[in-house]
């Protein structure tokens, strides 16, 4: 009984990790789409610069985070 519960817990952890990795892969494109949507709604020029800066920071953070996971 204990072993089967333990196996279930391990499988659950694996599924969670796979979901997290899929989310990490999709995150930048989702953010890009949202930012493009905001920019296309006639946002003031200065806000475009701020939004692009935030997006760049997020992509850099995402890639360095993924590199640290994979290495």
Protein backbone atom coordinates (compact mmCIF):
# COMPACT_ATOMS: atom_id res chain seq x y z
CA UNK A 1 0.00 0.00 0.00
CA UNK A 2 2.74 2.44 0.97
CA UNK A 3 4.72 1.73 -2.21
CA UNK A 4 1.76 2.41 -4.51
CA UNK A 5 1.04 5.71 -2.74
CA UNK A 6 4.70 6.63 -3.05
CA UNK A 7 4.65 5.84 -6.78
CA UNK A 8 1.54 7.99 -7.17
CA UNK A 9 3.31 10.88 -5.44
CA UNK A 10 6.35 10.50 -7.71
CA UNK A 11 4.16 10.46 -10.84
CA UNK A 12 2.31 13.54 -9.59
CA UNK A 13 5.63 15.38 -9.08
CA UNK A 14 6.79 14.43 -12.59
CA UNK A 15 3.53 15.68 -14.08
CA UNK A 16 3.86 18.95 -12.16
CA UNK A 17 7.43 19.47 -13.41
CA UNK A 18 6.42 18.79 -17.02
CA UNK A 19 3.55 21.28 -16.73
CA UNK A 20 5.92 23.87 -15.26
CA UNK A 21 8.40 23.39 -18.11
CA UNK A 22 5.64 23.70 -20.70
CA UNK A 23 4.51 26.91 -18.99
CA UNK A 24 8.08 28.28 -19.06
CA UNK A 25 8.33 27.60 -22.79
CA UNK A 26 5.00 29.28 -23.56
CA UNK A 27 5.36 32.23 -21.19
CA UNK A 28 7.37 34.64 -23.39
CA UNK A 29 5.04 34.21 -26.38
CA UNK A 30 1.97 34.80 -24.20
CA UNK A 31 3.55 37.97 -22.77
CA UNK A 32 4.53 39.09 -26.30
CA UNK A 33 0.93 38.72 -27.51
CA UNK A 34 -0.42 40.68 -24.54
CA UNK A 35 2.15 43.45 -25.02
CA UNK A 36 1.38 43.69 -28.75
CA UNK A 37 -2.31 43.86 -27.88
CA UNK A 38 -1.66 46.75 -25.46
CA UNK A 39 0.58 48.59 -27.95
CA UNK A 40 -2.01 48.22 -30.73
CA UNK A 41 -4.59 50.01 -28.60
CA UNK A 42 -2.99 53.44 -29.11
CA UNK A 43 -0.85 53.48 -26.00
CA UNK A 44 1.22 56.65 -25.45
CA UNK A 45 4.75 56.45 -26.94
CA UNK A 46 6.51 56.54 -23.56
CA UNK A 47 4.41 53.60 -22.36
CA UNK A 48 5.55 51.60 -25.41
CA UNK A 49 9.16 52.10 -24.32
CA UNK A 50 8.36 50.99 -20.76
CA UNK A 51 6.43 47.93 -21.99
CA UNK A 52 9.25 46.92 -24.35
CA UNK A 53 11.75 47.29 -21.51
CA UNK A 54 9.62 45.08 -19.24
CA UNK A 55 9.26 42.46 -21.99
CA UNK A 56 13.03 42.42 -22.61
CA UNK A 57 13.69 42.01 -18.89
CA UNK A 58 11.19 39.15 -18.68
CA UNK A 59 12.70 37.33 -21.66
CA UNK A 60 16.21 37.71 -20.23
CA UNK A 61 15.04 36.49 -16.83
CA UNK A 62 13.20 33.58 -18.46
CA UNK A 63 16.20 32.47 -20.53
CA UNK A 64 18.66 32.71 -17.65
CA UNK A 65 16.21 30.82 -15.41
CA UNK A 66 15.80 28.08 -18.02
CA UNK A 67 19.58 27.83 -18.49
CA UNK A 68 20.01 27.39 -14.74
CA UNK A 69 17.37 24.61 -14.74
CA UNK A 70 18.84 22.75 -17.70
CA UNK A 71 22.48 22.90 -16.61
